[in-house]
Amino acid sequence: MSYKDIITIEPGKRGGKPCIRGMRITVYDVLDYFASGMTKEEILDDFPYLTEEDLLACFAYAADREKQQLLVAT
């Protein structure tokens, strides 16, 4: 699975932030839910249109973005 098949960026949607499968929920929303202490099960219960694969794609996107930032900084 590649996050590039799940994470989409559309200039007119959510200010061009990376979203999940063209929906209005962003990668940052999902990461914030985890950071606030929500479990995977709680997120999937609250947002039944999300899948476990969507959540993993958010982590993969964030990790790749972090890698890119490190490359730019060096």
C-alpha atoms as a PDB file:
ATOM      1  CA  MET A   1       0.000   0.000   0.000  1.00  0.00           C
ATOM      2  CA  SER A   2       1.267   3.429  -0.899  1.00  0.00           C
ATOM      3  CA  TYR A   3      -0.099   6.463   0.877  1.00  0.00           C
ATOM      4  CA  LYS A   4      -0.031   8.187  -2.516  1.00  0.00           C
ATOM      5  CA  ASP A   5      -3.060   6.092  -3.469  1.00  0.00           C
ATOM      6  CA  ILE A   6      -4.990   7.403  -0.445  1.00  0.00           C
ATOM      7  CA  ILE A   7      -3.763  10.891   0.428  1.00  0.00           C
ATOM      8  CA  THR A   8      -4.975  13.569  -1.970  1.00  0.00           C
ATOM      9  CA  ILE A   9      -4.221  17.259  -2.239  1.00  0.00           C
ATOM     10  CA  GLU A  10      -6.712  19.521  -3.982  1.00  0.00           C
ATOM     11  CA  PRO A  11      -6.098  23.290  -3.989  1.00  0.00           C
ATOM     12  CA  GLY A  12      -9.767  24.152  -3.364  1.00  0.00           C
ATOM     13  CA  LYS A  13     -10.368  21.644  -0.591  1.00  0.00           C
ATOM     14  CA  ARG A  14      -9.390  22.390   3.023  1.00  0.00           C
ATOM     15  CA  GLY A  15      -6.921  25.012   1.807  1.00  0.00           C
ATOM     16  CA  GLY A  16      -4.861  22.488  -0.134  1.00  0.00           C
ATOM     17  CA  LYS A  17      -4.071  20.395   2.925  1.00  0.00           C
ATOM     18  CA  PRO A  18      -3.522  16.657   2.400  1.00  0.00           C
ATOM     19  CA  CYS A  19      -6.860  14.848   2.751  1.00  0.00           C
ATOM     20  CA  ILE A  20      -7.937  11.234   2.858  1.00  0.00           C
ATOM     21  CA  ARG A  21      -9.393   9.900  -0.406  1.00  0.00           C
ATOM     22  CA  GLY A  22     -10.668  13.305  -1.485  1.00  0.00           C
ATOM     23  CA  MET A  23     -12.803  13.701   1.630  1.00  0.00           C
ATOM     24  CA  ARG A  24     -12.650  16.759   3.861  1.00  0.00           C
ATOM     25  CA  ILE A  25     -10.788  15.014   6.685  1.00  0.00           C
ATOM     26  CA  THR A  26      -7.101  15.876   6.672  1.00  0.00           C
ATOM     27  CA  VAL A  27      -3.994  13.964   7.621  1.00  0.00           C
ATOM     28  CA  TYR A  28      -3.494  16.537  10.351  1.00  0.00           C
ATOM     29  CA  ASP A  29      -6.988  15.893  11.744  1.00  0.00           C
ATOM     30  CA  VAL A  30      -6.219  12.188  12.105  1.00  0.00           C
ATOM     31  CA  LEU A  31      -2.797  12.772  13.637  1.00  0.00           C
ATOM     32  CA  ASP A  32      -4.331  15.256  16.065  1.00  0.00           C
ATOM     33  CA  TYR A  33      -6.922  12.679  17.141  1.00  0.00           C
ATOM     34  CA  PHE A  34      -4.136  10.216  17.921  1.00  0.00           C
ATOM     35  CA  ALA A  35      -2.102  12.899  19.696  1.00  0.00           C
ATOM     36  CA  SER A  36      -5.099  13.748  21.874  1.00  0.00           C
ATOM     37  CA  GLY A  37      -5.191  10.133  23.065  1.00  0.00           C
ATOM     38  CA  MET A  38      -7.861   8.601  20.832  1.00  0.00           C
ATOM     39  CA  THR A  39      -7.281   4.979  19.918  1.00  0.00           C
ATOM     40  CA  LYS A  40      -7.504   3.542  16.430  1.00  0.00           C
ATOM     41  CA  GLU A  41     -10.787   1.911  17.381  1.00  0.00           C
ATOM     42  CA  GLU A  42     -12.251   5.182  18.672  1.00  0.00           C
ATOM     43  CA  ILE A  43     -11.319   7.030  15.501  1.00  0.00           C
ATOM     44  CA  LEU A  44     -12.774   4.308  13.290  1.00  0.00           C
ATOM     45  CA  ASP A  45     -15.954   4.259  15.394  1.00  0.00           C
ATOM     46  CA  ASP A  46     -16.336   8.042  15.223  1.00  0.00           C
ATOM     47  CA  PHE A  47     -15.564   8.159  11.491  1.00  0.00           C
ATOM     48  CA  PRO A  48     -16.992   4.952   9.964  1.00  0.00           C
ATOM     49  CA  TYR A  49     -16.029   6.045   6.437  1.00  0.00           C
ATOM     50  CA  LEU A  50     -12.334   5.762   7.401  1.00  0.00           C
ATOM     51  CA  THR A  51     -10.418   2.509   7.222  1.00  0.00           C
ATOM     52  CA  GLU A  52      -7.392   1.228   9.075  1.00  0.00           C
ATOM     53  CA  GLU A  53      -5.502   1.604   5.793  1.00  0.00           C
ATOM     54  CA  ASP A  54      -6.453   5.310   5.753  1.00  0.00           C
ATOM     55  CA  LEU A  55      -4.983   5.756   9.222  1.00  0.00           C
ATOM     56  CA  LEU A  56      -1.766   3.988   8.240  1.00  0.00           C
ATOM     57  CA  ALA A  57      -1.546   6.181   5.141  1.00  0.00           C
ATOM     58  CA  CYS A  58      -1.632   9.247   7.396  1.00  0.00           C
ATOM     59  CA  PHE A  59       1.359   7.951   9.341  1.00  0.00           C
ATOM     60  CA  ALA A  60       3.215   7.057   6.145  1.00  0.00           C
ATOM     61  CA  TYR A  61       2.539  10.526   4.704  1.00  0.00           C
ATOM     62  CA  ALA A  62       3.732  12.218   7.900  1.00  0.00           C
ATOM     63  CA  ALA A  63       6.890  10.079   8.012  1.00  0.00           C
ATOM     64  CA  ASP A  64       7.666  10.823   4.365  1.00  0.00           C
ATOM     65  CA  ARG A  65       7.072  14.539   4.892  1.00  0.00           C
ATOM     66  CA  GLU A  66       9.404  14.499   7.888  1.00  0.00           C
ATOM     67  CA  LYS A  67      12.073  12.763   5.789  1.00  0.00           C
ATOM     68  CA  GLN A  68      11.680  15.403   3.092  1.00  0.00           C
ATOM     69  CA  GLN A  69      12.085  18.194   5.669  1.00  0.00           C
ATOM     70  CA  LEU A  70      15.301  16.608   6.951  1.00  0.00           C
ATOM     71  CA  LEU A  71      16.699  16.381   3.428  1.00  0.00           C
ATOM     72  CA  VAL A  72      15.921  20.040   2.774  1.00  0.00           C
ATOM     73  CA  ALA A  73      17.552  21.083   6.062  1.00  0.00           C
ATOM     74  CA  THR A  74      20.856  19.367   5.275  1.00  0.00           C
END
